C-alpha atoms as a PDB file:
ATOM      1  CA  MET A   1       3.728   0.281  -8.529  1.00  0.00           C
ATOM      2  CA  HIS A   2       7.328  -0.245  -9.088  1.00  0.00           C
ATOM      3  CA  ARG A   3       8.728  -3.454  -7.801  1.00  0.00           C
ATOM      4  CA  MET A   4      12.459  -4.452  -7.741  1.00  0.00           C
ATOM      5  CA  HIS A   5      13.347  -8.048  -8.227  1.00  0.00           C
ATOM      6  CA  LEU A   6      16.143  -8.122  -5.696  1.00  0.00           C
ATOM      7  CA  ARG A   7      17.832 -11.339  -4.807  1.00  0.00           C
ATOM      8  CA  ALA A   8      16.976 -12.385  -1.302  1.00  0.00           C
ATOM      9  CA  GLN A   9      19.752 -13.458   1.240  1.00  0.00           C
ATOM     10  CA  THR A  10      20.138 -15.736   4.299  1.00  0.00           C
ATOM     11  CA  MET A  11      17.391 -14.701   6.716  1.00  0.00           C
ATOM     12  CA  ALA A  12      18.506 -14.238  10.059  1.00  0.00           C
ATOM     13  CA  SER A  13      16.700 -11.096  11.308  1.00  0.00           C
ATOM     14  CA  PRO A  14      14.399  -8.214   9.874  1.00  0.00           C
ATOM     15  CA  ARG A  15      17.776  -6.162   9.707  1.00  0.00           C
ATOM     16  CA  MET A  16      18.998  -8.422   6.912  1.00  0.00           C
ATOM     17  CA  PHE A  17      15.808  -7.005   4.747  1.00  0.00           C
ATOM     18  CA  LEU A  18      17.249  -3.772   5.172  1.00  0.00           C
ATOM     19  CA  ALA A  19      20.609  -4.727   4.299  1.00  0.00           C
ATOM     20  CA  VAL A  20      19.439  -5.891   1.077  1.00  0.00           C
ATOM     21  CA  GLY A  21      16.734  -3.632   0.342  1.00  0.00           C
ATOM     22  CA  MET A  22      14.198  -6.457  -0.015  1.00  0.00           C
ATOM     23  CA  MET A  23      10.656  -6.043  -1.605  1.00  0.00           C
ATOM     24  CA  MET A  24       8.008  -7.216   0.187  1.00  0.00           C
ATOM     25  CA  MET A  25       2.434  -7.274   1.648  1.00  0.00           C
ATOM     26  CA  MET A  26      -2.104  -6.907   2.191  1.00  0.00           C
ATOM     27  CA  VAL A  27      -5.760  -8.393   2.045  1.00  0.00           C
ATOM     28  CA  ILE A  28      -9.274 -10.155   1.172  1.00  0.00           C
ATOM     29  CA  MET A  29     -12.157 -11.961   0.849  1.00  0.00           C
ATOM     30  CA  HIS A  30     -14.714 -14.330   1.537  1.00  0.00           C
ATOM     31  CA  SER A  31     -17.359 -16.830  -0.011  1.00  0.00           C
ATOM     32  CA  PRO A  32     -16.290 -18.242  -3.522  1.00  0.00           C
ATOM     33  CA  MET A  33     -15.637 -14.740  -4.490  1.00  0.00           C
ATOM     34  CA  VAL A  34     -14.658 -11.796  -2.421  1.00  0.00           C
ATOM     35  CA  ILE A  35     -15.882 -10.172   0.670  1.00  0.00           C
ATOM     36  CA  VAL A  36     -13.326  -7.761   2.034  1.00  0.00           C
ATOM     37  CA  GLY A  37     -16.033  -6.411   4.511  1.00  0.00           C
ATOM     38  CA  ASP A  38     -15.740  -4.161   7.481  1.00  0.00           C
ATOM     39  CA  LYS A  39     -13.818  -0.630   7.063  1.00  0.00           C
ATOM     40  CA  ILE A  40     -11.727  -1.392  10.075  1.00  0.00           C
ATOM     41  CA  GLY A  41      -8.520  -1.848   8.003  1.00  0.00           C
ATOM     42  CA  ILE A  42      -9.298  -3.539   4.598  1.00  0.00           C
ATOM     43  CA  GLY A  43      -9.522  -1.877   1.115  1.00  0.00           C
ATOM     44  CA  VAL A  44      -8.681  -2.898  -2.564  1.00  0.00           C
ATOM     45  CA  CYS A  45      -6.717  -0.742  -4.812  1.00  0.00           C
ATOM     46  CA  TYR A  46      -8.508   0.450  -8.229  1.00  0.00           C
ATOM     47  CA  GLY A  47      -5.765   0.338 -10.488  1.00  0.00           C
ATOM     48  CA  MET A  48      -6.915   1.317 -14.456  1.00  0.00           C
ATOM     49  CA  VAL A  49      -3.738   0.381 -16.596  1.00  0.00           C
ATOM     50  CA  ALA A  50      -5.972  -1.289 -19.091  1.00  0.00           C
ATOM     51  CA  ASN A  51      -8.222  -0.751 -21.810  1.00  0.00           C
ATOM     52  CA  ASN A  52     -10.975  -3.719 -21.253  1.00  0.00           C
ATOM     53  CA  LEU A  53     -12.237  -2.670 -17.685  1.00  0.00           C
ATOM     54  CA  PRO A  54     -15.766  -2.194 -16.753  1.00  0.00           C
ATOM     55  CA  SER A  55     -17.525   1.184 -16.472  1.00  0.00           C
ATOM     56  CA  ALA A  56     -16.589   3.315 -13.529  1.00  0.00           C
ATOM     57  CA  THR A  57     -20.404   2.939 -12.332  1.00  0.00           C
ATOM     58  CA  ASP A  58     -19.836  -1.150 -12.773  1.00  0.00           C
ATOM     59  CA  VAL A  59     -16.797  -1.215 -10.510  1.00  0.00           C
ATOM     60  CA  ILE A  60     -18.103   0.711  -7.845  1.00  0.00           C
ATOM     61  CA  SER A  61     -21.183  -1.318  -7.856  1.00  0.00           C
ATOM     62  CA  LEU A  62     -18.641  -4.456  -7.705  1.00  0.00           C
ATOM     63  CA  TYR A  63     -17.071  -2.965  -4.658  1.00  0.00           C
ATOM     64  CA  LYS A  64     -20.420  -2.498  -2.972  1.00  0.00           C
ATOM     65  CA  LYS A  65     -21.727  -5.847  -3.971  1.00  0.00           C
ATOM     66  CA  TYR A  66     -18.629  -7.804  -1.869  1.00  0.00           C
ATOM     67  CA  ASN A  67     -18.608  -5.189   0.924  1.00  0.00           C
ATOM     68  CA  ILE A  68     -15.239  -3.574  -0.024  1.00  0.00           C
ATOM     69  CA  GLY A  69     -15.468  -0.570   2.275  1.00  0.00           C
ATOM     70  CA  LYS A  70     -12.524   1.122   1.452  1.00  0.00           C
ATOM     71  CA  LEU A  71     -10.855   2.100  -2.002  1.00  0.00           C
ATOM     72  CA  ARG A  72      -7.461   3.265  -2.937  1.00  0.00           C
ATOM     73  CA  LEU A  73      -7.367   5.778  -6.151  1.00  0.00           C
ATOM     74  CA  PHE A  74      -4.139   6.291  -7.711  1.00  0.00           C
ATOM     75  CA  ASP A  75      -5.124   9.734  -9.374  1.00  0.00           C
ATOM     76  CA  PRO A  76      -8.308  11.547  -9.226  1.00  0.00           C
ATOM     77  CA  ASN A  77      -9.895  10.122 -12.173  1.00  0.00           C
ATOM     78  CA  PRO A  78     -13.317  12.241 -12.848  1.00  0.00           C
ATOM     79  CA  ASP A  79     -15.222   9.130 -13.800  1.00  0.00           C
ATOM     80  CA  ALA A  80     -14.270   7.254 -10.421  1.00  0.00           C
ATOM     81  CA  LEU A  81     -15.119  10.100  -8.234  1.00  0.00           C
ATOM     82  CA  GLU A  82     -18.142  10.602  -9.906  1.00  0.00           C
ATOM     83  CA  ALA A  83     -19.108   6.923  -9.505  1.00  0.00           C
ATOM     84  CA  LEU A  84     -18.081   7.045  -5.915  1.00  0.00           C
ATOM     85  CA  LYS A  85     -20.325   9.878  -4.992  1.00  0.00           C
ATOM     86  CA  GLY A  86     -22.718   8.554  -2.456  1.00  0.00           C
ATOM     87  CA  SER A  87     -21.371   4.682  -2.285  1.00  0.00           C
ATOM     88  CA  GLY A  88     -20.319   5.053   1.426  1.00  0.00           C
ATOM     89  CA  ILE A  89     -16.749   3.899   0.382  1.00  0.00           C
ATOM     90  CA  ASP A  90     -13.835   5.637   1.948  1.00  0.00           C
ATOM     91  CA  VAL A  91     -11.359   6.815  -0.318  1.00  0.00           C
ATOM     92  CA  ALA A  92      -7.676   6.855  -0.414  1.00  0.00           C
ATOM     93  CA  LEU A  93      -7.020   9.385  -3.039  1.00  0.00           C
ATOM     94  CA  GLY A  94      -3.431   9.810  -4.899  1.00  0.00           C
ATOM     95  CA  ALA A  95      -1.933  12.925  -6.479  1.00  0.00           C
ATOM     96  CA  LYS A  96       0.055  11.879  -9.389  1.00  0.00           C
ATOM     97  CA  ASN A  97       3.888  12.272  -9.264  1.00  0.00           C
ATOM     98  CA  GLU A  98       3.839  14.680 -12.215  1.00  0.00           C
ATOM     99  CA  ASP A  99       1.704  17.063 -10.312  1.00  0.00           C
ATOM    100  CA  ILE A 100       3.639  17.115  -6.992  1.00  0.00           C
ATOM    101  CA  PRO A 101       6.164  20.132  -8.236  1.00  0.00           C
ATOM    102  CA  SER A 102       3.121  22.273  -8.955  1.00  0.00           C
ATOM    103  CA  ILE A 103       1.499  21.286  -5.508  1.00  0.00           C
ATOM    104  CA  ALA A 104       4.966  22.141  -3.443  1.00  0.00           C
ATOM    105  CA  THR A 105       5.304  25.268  -5.490  1.00  0.00           C
ATOM    106  CA  SER A 106       2.762  27.386  -3.461  1.00  0.00           C
ATOM    107  CA  THR A 107      -0.452  26.860  -1.423  1.00  0.00           C
ATOM    108  CA  GLU A 108      -2.072  28.518  -4.137  1.00  0.00           C
ATOM    109  CA  GLY A 109      -1.171  25.428  -6.485  1.00  0.00           C
ATOM    110  CA  ALA A 110      -1.948  22.972  -3.804  1.00  0.00           C
ATOM    111  CA  GLU A 111      -5.558  25.005  -3.434  1.00  0.00           C
ATOM    112  CA  SER A 112      -6.012  24.612  -7.280  1.00  0.00           C
ATOM    113  CA  TRP A 113      -5.081  20.845  -7.034  1.00  0.00           C
ATOM    114  CA  PHE A 114      -7.708  20.722  -4.107  1.00  0.00           C
ATOM    115  CA  THR A 115     -10.447  22.757  -5.703  1.00  0.00           C
ATOM    116  CA  THR A 116     -10.133  20.535  -8.901  1.00  0.00           C
ATOM    117  CA  ASN A 117      -9.942  17.301  -7.354  1.00  0.00           C
ATOM    118  CA  VAL A 118     -11.325  17.126  -3.648  1.00  0.00           C
ATOM    119  CA  LEU A 119     -13.694  20.101  -2.964  1.00  0.00           C
ATOM    120  CA  PRO A 120     -16.472  19.177  -5.715  1.00  0.00           C
ATOM    121  CA  TYR A 121     -16.787  15.642  -4.018  1.00  0.00           C
ATOM    122  CA  LEU A 122     -16.438  16.502  -0.564  1.00  0.00           C
ATOM    123  CA  SER A 123     -20.046  16.414   0.185  1.00  0.00           C
ATOM    124  CA  ASN A 124     -20.622  12.861  -1.237  1.00  0.00           C
ATOM    125  CA  ILE A 125     -17.226  11.130  -0.619  1.00  0.00           C
ATOM    126  CA  THR A 126     -15.162  10.386   2.481  1.00  0.00           C
ATOM    127  CA  PHE A 127     -11.774  10.839   1.906  1.00  0.00           C
ATOM    128  CA  SER A 128      -9.317   9.052   4.277  1.00  0.00           C
ATOM    129  CA  PHE A 129      -6.118   9.907   2.860  1.00  0.00           C
ATOM    130  CA  ILE A 130      -4.328  12.096   0.354  1.00  0.00           C
ATOM    131  CA  SER A 131      -1.176  10.317  -1.061  1.00  0.00           C
ATOM    132  CA  VAL A 132       1.117  12.759  -2.321  1.00  0.00           C
ATOM    133  CA  GLY A 133       2.885  10.475  -5.363  1.00  0.00           C
ATOM    134  CA  ASN A 134       3.166   6.860  -5.168  1.00  0.00           C
ATOM    135  CA  GLU A 135       6.714   5.698  -4.951  1.00  0.00           C
ATOM    136  CA  ALA A 136       8.119   9.280  -5.738  1.00  0.00           C
ATOM    137  CA  ILE A 137      10.655   8.854  -3.393  1.00  0.00           C
ATOM    138  CA  PRO A 138      13.566   8.209  -4.903  1.00  0.00           C
ATOM    139  CA  GLY A 139      12.841  10.207  -8.045  1.00  0.00           C
ATOM    140  CA  GLU A 140      12.935  13.385  -9.610  1.00  0.00           C
ATOM    141  CA  PHE A 141       9.944  14.740  -7.531  1.00  0.00           C
ATOM    142  CA  ALA A 142      11.426  13.328  -4.013  1.00  0.00           C
ATOM    143  CA  ASN A 143      12.621  16.556  -2.740  1.00  0.00           C
ATOM    144  CA  ASP A 144       9.328  17.959  -3.784  1.00  0.00           C
ATOM    145  CA  VAL A 145       7.165  15.415  -1.818  1.00  0.00           C
ATOM    146  CA  ALA A 146       7.208  16.832   1.872  1.00  0.00           C
ATOM    147  CA  PRO A 147       6.486  20.478   0.744  1.00  0.00           C
ATOM    148  CA  ALA A 148       3.948  19.346  -1.399  1.00  0.00           C
ATOM    149  CA  MET A 149       2.578  17.328   1.716  1.00  0.00           C
ATOM    150  CA  SER A 150       2.882  20.755   3.870  1.00  0.00           C
ATOM    151  CA  ASN A 151       1.133  22.867   1.391  1.00  0.00           C
ATOM    152  CA  LEU A 152      -1.824  20.422   0.771  1.00  0.00           C
ATOM    153  CA  GLN A 153      -2.083  20.258   4.575  1.00  0.00           C
ATOM    154  CA  ALA A 154      -2.360  24.124   5.077  1.00  0.00           C
ATOM    155  CA  VAL A 155      -5.188  23.796   2.134  1.00  0.00           C
ATOM    156  CA  LEU A 156      -7.101  21.224   4.182  1.00  0.00           C
ATOM    157  CA  ASN A 157      -6.737  23.431   7.551  1.00  0.00           C
ATOM    158  CA  ASP A 158      -8.098  26.342   5.839  1.00  0.00           C
ATOM    159  CA  HIS A 159     -11.051  24.188   4.753  1.00  0.00           C
ATOM    160  CA  ASN A 160     -11.521  22.750   8.414  1.00  0.00           C
ATOM    161  CA  LEU A 161     -10.623  19.296   7.005  1.00  0.00           C
ATOM    162  CA  ASN A 162      -8.169  17.879   9.598  1.00  0.00           C
ATOM    163  CA  GLY A 163      -9.808  14.345   9.198  1.00  0.00           C
ATOM    164  CA  ILE A 164      -8.312  13.772   5.782  1.00  0.00           C
ATOM    165  CA  THR A 165      -4.531  12.289   6.436  1.00  0.00           C
ATOM    166  CA  VAL A 166      -1.856  13.384   4.220  1.00  0.00           C
ATOM    167  CA  THR A 167       1.072  11.363   3.490  1.00  0.00           C
ATOM    168  CA  THR A 168       2.974   9.454   0.659  1.00  0.00           C
ATOM    169  CA  ALA A 169       3.412   5.807  -0.416  1.00  0.00           C
ATOM    170  CA  VAL A 170       6.963   4.198  -0.665  1.00  0.00           C
ATOM    171  CA  ALA A 171       8.076   1.304  -1.937  1.00  0.00           C
ATOM    172  CA  THR A 172      10.336  -1.183   0.327  1.00  0.00           C
ATOM    173  CA  MET A 173      13.458  -0.389  -2.239  1.00  0.00           C
ATOM    174  CA  VAL A 174      13.842   2.533   0.348  1.00  0.00           C
ATOM    175  CA  LEU A 175      15.182   0.807   3.238  1.00  0.00           C
ATOM    176  CA  GLY A 176      18.833   0.462   2.865  1.00  0.00           C
ATOM    177  CA  VAL A 177      21.641  -1.061   5.053  1.00  0.00           C
ATOM    178  CA  SER A 178      22.708  -0.550   8.643  1.00  0.00           C
ATOM    179  CA  TYR A 179      18.912  -0.411   9.841  1.00  0.00           C
ATOM    180  CA  GLN A 180      18.305   2.893   8.173  1.00  0.00           C
ATOM    181  CA  PHE A 181      16.591   4.371   4.575  1.00  0.00           C
ATOM    182  CA  SER A 182      19.096   3.958   1.574  1.00  0.00           C
ATOM    183  CA  PRO A 183      21.266   7.109   1.169  1.00  0.00           C
ATOM    184  CA  GLU A 184      19.494   8.049  -1.838  1.00  0.00           C
ATOM    185  CA  THR A 185      16.404   8.437   0.158  1.00  0.00           C
ATOM    186  CA  LYS A 186      17.255   9.507   3.601  1.00  0.00           C
ATOM    187  CA  GLY A 187      17.051  13.370   2.982  1.00  0.00           C
ATOM    188  CA  ALA A 188      13.639  13.367   1.451  1.00  0.00           C
ATOM    189  CA  LEU A 189      12.349  11.036   3.762  1.00  0.00           C
ATOM    190  CA  ALA A 190      13.675  13.069   6.774  1.00  0.00           C
ATOM    191  CA  ASP A 191      11.484  15.833   5.695  1.00  0.00           C
ATOM    192  CA  VAL A 192       8.386  13.558   5.424  1.00  0.00           C
ATOM    193  CA  LEU A 193       8.645  11.774   8.525  1.00  0.00           C
ATOM    194  CA  SER A 194       9.232  15.321  10.210  1.00  0.00           C
ATOM    195  CA  PHE A 195       5.973  16.277   8.813  1.00  0.00           C
ATOM    196  CA  LEU A 196       3.931  12.981   9.519  1.00  0.00           C
ATOM    197  CA  SER A 197       5.465  12.767  13.137  1.00  0.00           C
ATOM    198  CA  ILE A 198       3.890  16.247  13.878  1.00  0.00           C
ATOM    199  CA  LYS A 199       0.839  15.280  12.611  1.00  0.00           C
ATOM    200  CA  GLY A 200       0.682  11.868  14.140  1.00  0.00           C
ATOM    201  CA  SER A 201      -0.022  10.360  10.730  1.00  0.00           C
ATOM    202  CA  PRO A 202       1.088   7.252   9.043  1.00  0.00           C
ATOM    203  CA  LEU A 203       3.706   6.484   6.243  1.00  0.00           C
ATOM    204  CA  MET A 204       2.229   4.606   3.419  1.00  0.00           C
ATOM    205  CA  ALA A 205       4.398   1.551   2.327  1.00  0.00           C
ATOM    206  CA  ASN A 206       3.777  -0.608  -0.513  1.00  0.00           C
ATOM    207  CA  VAL A 207       5.066  -4.129   0.588  1.00  0.00           C
ATOM    208  CA  TYR A 208       5.084  -7.385  -1.091  1.00  0.00           C
ATOM    209  CA  PRO A 209       6.380 -10.816   0.307  1.00  0.00           C
ATOM    210  CA  TYR A 210       5.930 -12.335  -2.952  1.00  0.00           C
ATOM    211  CA  PHE A 211       9.155 -10.657  -4.664  1.00  0.00           C
ATOM    212  CA  ALA A 212      11.328 -11.790  -1.455  1.00  0.00           C
ATOM    213  CA  TYR A 213      10.024 -15.376  -2.081  1.00  0.00           C
ATOM    214  CA  ALA A 214      10.241 -15.423  -5.914  1.00  0.00           C
ATOM    215  CA  SER A 215      13.883 -13.972  -5.827  1.00  0.00           C
ATOM    216  CA  ASP A 216      15.043 -16.629  -3.650  1.00  0.00           C
ATOM    217  CA  PRO A 217      12.740 -19.453  -2.757  1.00  0.00           C
ATOM    218  CA  ASP A 218      15.742 -21.507  -1.319  1.00  0.00           C
ATOM    219  CA  GLN A 219      16.152 -19.088   1.348  1.00  0.00           C
ATOM    220  CA  VAL A 220      12.821 -17.529   1.721  1.00  0.00           C
ATOM    221  CA  ARG A 221      10.264 -20.549   2.903  1.00  0.00           C
ATOM    222  CA  LEU A 222       6.883 -20.181   1.347  1.00  0.00           C
ATOM    223  CA  ASP A 223       4.727 -20.658   4.605  1.00  0.00           C
ATOM    224  CA  TYR A 224       6.963 -17.411   6.144  1.00  0.00           C
ATOM    225  CA  ALA A 225       5.549 -15.592   3.038  1.00  0.00           C
ATOM    226  CA  LEU A 226       2.189 -16.868   3.086  1.00  0.00           C
ATOM    227  CA  PHE A 227       1.429 -16.323   6.879  1.00  0.00           C
ATOM    228  CA  THR A 228       1.336 -19.964   7.053  1.00  0.00           C
ATOM    229  CA  ALA A 229       4.226 -21.082   9.295  1.00  0.00           C
ATOM    230  CA  LYS A 230       3.348 -22.522  12.636  1.00  0.00           C
ATOM    231  CA  ASP A 231       6.553 -21.617  14.338  1.00  0.00           C
ATOM    232  CA  PRO A 232       8.725 -18.558  14.340  1.00  0.00           C
ATOM    233  CA  VAL A 233      10.831 -18.708  11.415  1.00  0.00           C
ATOM    234  CA  VAL A 234      13.287 -15.653  12.276  1.00  0.00           C
ATOM    235  CA  VAL A 235      14.477 -14.513  15.694  1.00  0.00           C
ATOM    236  CA  ASP A 236      15.873 -11.160  16.546  1.00  0.00           C
ATOM    237  CA  GLY A 237      16.867 -10.903  20.258  1.00  0.00           C
ATOM    238  CA  ASN A 238      13.327 -10.776  21.767  1.00  0.00           C
ATOM    239  CA  LEU A 239      11.408 -10.492  18.723  1.00  0.00           C
ATOM    240  CA  SER A 240      10.058 -13.697  16.951  1.00  0.00           C
ATOM    241  CA  TYR A 241       8.710 -13.374  13.489  1.00  0.00           C
ATOM    242  CA  HIS A 242       5.998 -16.031  11.988  1.00  0.00           C
ATOM    243  CA  ASN A 243       5.697 -14.220   8.560  1.00  0.00           C
ATOM    244  CA  LEU A 244       7.547 -12.006   6.500  1.00  0.00           C
ATOM    245  CA  PHE A 245       5.091  -9.046   6.442  1.00  0.00           C
ATOM    246  CA  ASP A 246       5.581  -8.093  10.024  1.00  0.00           C
ATOM    247  CA  ALA A 247       9.370  -8.579   9.512  1.00  0.00           C
ATOM    248  CA  THR A 248       9.173  -5.951   6.682  1.00  0.00           C
ATOM    249  CA  VAL A 249       6.909  -3.724   8.585  1.00  0.00           C
ATOM    250  CA  ASP A 250       9.108  -3.809  11.403  1.00  0.00           C
ATOM    251  CA  SER A 251      12.248  -2.961   9.046  1.00  0.00           C
ATOM    252  CA  PHE A 252      10.330   0.355   8.659  1.00  0.00           C
ATOM    253  CA  TYR A 253       9.924   1.084  12.011  1.00  0.00           C
ATOM    254  CA  TRP A 254      13.497   0.417  12.882  1.00  0.00           C
ATOM    255  CA  ALA A 255      14.539   2.641   9.924  1.00  0.00           C
ATOM    256  CA  MET A 256      12.319   5.529  11.222  1.00  0.00           C
ATOM    257  CA  GLU A 257      13.754   4.909  14.626  1.00  0.00           C
ATOM    258  CA  LYS A 258      16.999   5.344  13.131  1.00  0.00           C
ATOM    259  CA  GLN A 259      15.978   8.649  11.780  1.00  0.00           C
ATOM    260  CA  GLY A 260      14.833   9.743  15.417  1.00  0.00           C
ATOM    261  CA  VAL A 261      11.350   9.102  14.727  1.00  0.00           C
ATOM    262  CA  ASN A 262       9.096   7.043  17.058  1.00  0.00           C
ATOM    263  CA  ASN A 263       5.372   7.876  16.695  1.00  0.00           C
ATOM    264  CA  VAL A 264       4.846   7.271  12.972  1.00  0.00           C
ATOM    265  CA  GLY A 265       2.875   4.459  12.151  1.00  0.00           C
ATOM    266  CA  VAL A 266       2.921   2.152   8.945  1.00  0.00           C
ATOM    267  CA  ALA A 267      -0.318   1.879   6.285  1.00  0.00           C
ATOM    268  CA  VAL A 268       0.171  -0.597   3.974  1.00  0.00           C
ATOM    269  CA  SER A 269      -0.786   1.224   0.544  1.00  0.00           C
ATOM    270  CA  GLU A 270      -0.535  -1.998  -1.715  1.00  0.00           C
ATOM    271  CA  SER A 271       0.126  -5.329  -1.632  1.00  0.00           C
ATOM    272  CA  GLY A 272      -0.856  -9.037  -2.843  1.00  0.00           C
ATOM    273  CA  TRP A 273       0.124 -11.966  -4.790  1.00  0.00           C
ATOM    274  CA  PRO A 274       0.009 -12.521  -8.584  1.00  0.00           C
ATOM    275  CA  SER A 275      -2.195 -15.523  -9.675  1.00  0.00           C
ATOM    276  CA  ALA A 276      -0.106 -16.270 -12.851  1.00  0.00           C
ATOM    277  CA  GLY A 277       2.658 -15.135 -14.834  1.00  0.00           C
ATOM    278  CA  ASN A 278       5.670 -16.863 -13.052  1.00  0.00           C
ATOM    279  CA  GLY A 279       4.816 -20.806 -13.072  1.00  0.00           C
ATOM    280  CA  GLY A 280       4.428 -22.375  -9.923  1.00  0.00           C
ATOM    281  CA  PHE A 281       5.198 -19.210  -7.910  1.00  0.00           C
ATOM    282  CA  THR A 282       1.827 -17.512  -8.841  1.00  0.00           C
ATOM    283  CA  THR A 283      -0.859 -19.676  -8.891  1.00  0.00           C
ATOM    284  CA  PRO A 284      -4.553 -18.658  -7.708  1.00  0.00           C
ATOM    285  CA  GLU A 285      -4.335 -20.938  -4.702  1.00  0.00           C
ATOM    286  CA  LEU A 286      -1.040 -19.126  -3.779  1.00  0.00           C
ATOM    287  CA  ALA A 287      -2.935 -15.938  -4.305  1.00  0.00           C
ATOM    288  CA  SER A 288      -5.941 -16.969  -2.197  1.00  0.00           C
ATOM    289  CA  THR A 289      -3.854 -17.974   0.491  1.00  0.00           C
ATOM    290  CA  TYR A 290      -1.905 -15.081   0.871  1.00  0.00           C
ATOM    291  CA  ASN A 291      -4.797 -12.557   0.712  1.00  0.00           C
ATOM    292  CA  ARG A 292      -7.120 -14.530   2.977  1.00  0.00           C
ATOM    293  CA  ASN A 293      -4.331 -15.039   5.727  1.00  0.00           C
ATOM    294  CA  PHE A 294      -3.364 -11.127   5.180  1.00  0.00           C
ATOM    295  CA  MET A 295      -6.824 -10.071   5.746  1.00  0.00           C
ATOM    296  CA  GLN A 296      -7.074 -12.191   8.907  1.00  0.00           C
ATOM    297  CA  HIS A 297      -3.862 -10.857   9.943  1.00  0.00           C
ATOM    298  CA  VAL A 298      -4.964  -7.234   9.605  1.00  0.00           C
ATOM    299  CA  LEU A 299      -8.529  -7.624  11.078  1.00  0.00           C
ATOM    300  CA  ASN A 300      -7.038  -9.182  14.047  1.00  0.00           C
ATOM    301  CA  MET A 301      -5.126  -5.993  14.886  1.00  0.00           C
ATOM    302  CA  GLY A 302      -2.377  -7.987  16.372  1.00  0.00           C
ATOM    303  CA  GLY A 303       0.496  -5.020  15.104  1.00  0.00           C
ATOM    304  CA  THR A 304       3.685  -6.504  14.688  1.00  0.00           C
ATOM    305  CA  PRO A 305       6.291  -7.988  17.200  1.00  0.00           C
ATOM    306  CA  LYS A 306       7.984  -4.494  17.397  1.00  0.00           C
ATOM    307  CA  ARG A 307       4.694  -2.817  17.967  1.00  0.00           C
ATOM    308  CA  PRO A 308       2.070  -5.007  19.392  1.00  0.00           C
ATOM    309  CA  GLY A 309      -1.186  -3.750  18.787  1.00  0.00           C
ATOM    310  CA  ALA A 310      -0.610  -1.273  16.382  1.00  0.00           C
ATOM    311  CA  TYR A 311      -3.437  -0.564  13.990  1.00  0.00           C
ATOM    312  CA  ILE A 312      -2.445  -1.027  10.285  1.00  0.00           C
ATOM    313  CA  GLU A 313      -4.514  -0.074   7.416  1.00  0.00           C
ATOM    314  CA  GLY A 314      -4.074  -1.889   4.302  1.00  0.00           C
ATOM    315  CA  PHE A 315      -5.029  -2.265   0.679  1.00  0.00           C
ATOM    316  CA  ILE A 316      -4.610  -5.213  -1.784  1.00  0.00           C
ATOM    317  CA  PHE A 317      -3.510  -4.661  -5.082  1.00  0.00           C
ATOM    318  CA  ALA A 318      -5.390  -4.496  -7.130  1.00  0.00           C
ATOM    319  CA  MET A 319      -9.291  -5.169  -8.237  1.00  0.00           C
ATOM    320  CA  PHE A 320      -8.550  -6.145 -11.765  1.00  0.00           C
ATOM    321  CA  ASN A 321      -6.288  -7.939 -13.999  1.00  0.00           C
ATOM    322  CA  GLU A 322      -4.840  -4.994 -16.058  1.00  0.00           C
ATOM    323  CA  ASN A 323      -3.709  -6.092 -19.700  1.00  0.00           C
ATOM    324  CA  GLN A 324      -1.704  -2.807 -20.591  1.00  0.00           C
ATOM    325  CA  LYS A 325       0.883  -3.637 -17.603  1.00  0.00           C
ATOM    326  CA  PRO A 326       3.700  -5.507 -18.659  1.00  0.00           C
ATOM    327  CA  SER A 327       3.258  -9.054 -19.663  1.00  0.00           C
ATOM    328  CA  GLY A 328       3.852 -11.919 -17.229  1.00  0.00           C
ATOM    329  CA  ILE A 329       3.054 -11.196 -13.511  1.00  0.00           C
ATOM    330  CA  GLU A 330       2.464  -7.476 -13.718  1.00  0.00           C
ATOM    331  CA  GLN A 331      -0.865  -8.253 -15.580  1.00  0.00           C
ATOM    332  CA  ASN A 332      -2.135 -10.932 -13.023  1.00  0.00           C
ATOM    333  CA  TRP A 333      -2.824  -9.066  -9.612  1.00  0.00           C
ATOM    334  CA  GLY A 334      -6.408  -8.683  -9.983  1.00  0.00           C
ATOM    335  CA  LEU A 335      -9.031 -10.229  -7.823  1.00  0.00           C
ATOM    336  CA  PHE A 336     -11.393  -9.970 -10.693  1.00  0.00           C
ATOM    337  CA  TYR A 337     -11.255 -10.425 -14.440  1.00  0.00           C
ATOM    338  CA  PRO A 338     -12.418  -7.484 -16.501  1.00  0.00           C
ATOM    339  CA  ASN A 339     -15.799  -9.178 -16.857  1.00  0.00           C
ATOM    340  CA  MET A 340     -15.904  -8.707 -12.989  1.00  0.00           C
ATOM    341  CA  GLN A 341     -16.072 -12.519 -12.490  1.00  0.00           C
ATOM    342  CA  PRO A 342     -13.496 -13.483  -9.503  1.00  0.00           C
ATOM    343  CA  VAL A 343     -10.008 -14.680 -10.362  1.00  0.00           C
ATOM    344  CA  TYR A 344      -9.860 -17.103  -7.617  1.00  0.00           C
ATOM    345  CA  ALA A 345     -11.727 -18.282  -4.569  1.00  0.00           C
ATOM    346  CA  VAL A 346     -10.504 -17.182  -1.046  1.00  0.00           C
ATOM    347  CA  PHE A 347     -12.658 -19.594   1.015  1.00  0.00           C
END
């Protein structure tokens, strides 16, 4: 997860999110603990940047205990994949950024990655996505992302696995000015979007309203970030926005259309709200409110003002507080403590 603390500007329309590249989204729970239930559109990211987490077997048992039907795995961790066998949990699997060049070089490289990390588990795990990297655009591997996606797709086709969606995950920092992607990302994203458009697959986006609010609380209303505004906060032409999440997702749609792509959706690959680390901006109550309201927003399947009714899949970041991340908010995104007790109640 890469997050930029960019100062928010006065919000007149979703296009302003593009103009300032603001970072902004995702989901959960029920009861005093956490029920994410239902495989329609809700999942939780299983991050592992910590030295005090439960065993993978215990973690997957926790997912099952709270009926969390979807899991995002940032890399093909063998212990996690073994624990997922027979669990019935849908898995969005990530290829590590550093593995992208070898996958992009040839179909043989993609076949090798697939044979090691996917093939042994196909009979026991349902893979919904393979994400080629996480926030690899922009970066040293950016131009390798689309070729790697194409090579992996060719391998999946050879194995008659067209049900697995190949995509990549980007941060909102790829949004630039003038209603388009930033200059440093536009070329790589053009190739990615061309691939996704042909396949009819979504682009994954990491969306965090928290950062827009925390960077400029005088201009970004808290109720707009938390899905609690009663009336439209932003009106852009005939589109009215009650929440920052919808405005951010629509900013991706506008930017893709600027690239000439109209048929690519958005799947939210991570989002959430930290429960500590930044004073009154990060409390368990705020995190609970955000995640509860996002869950309802996703499960309502109402789409966004620009794309009403569009299906949006989402993953909350993250299952646990992770103690080897930088101190402060980065260590406090979890729904659970490492002892598997909930960090906060959602209802």
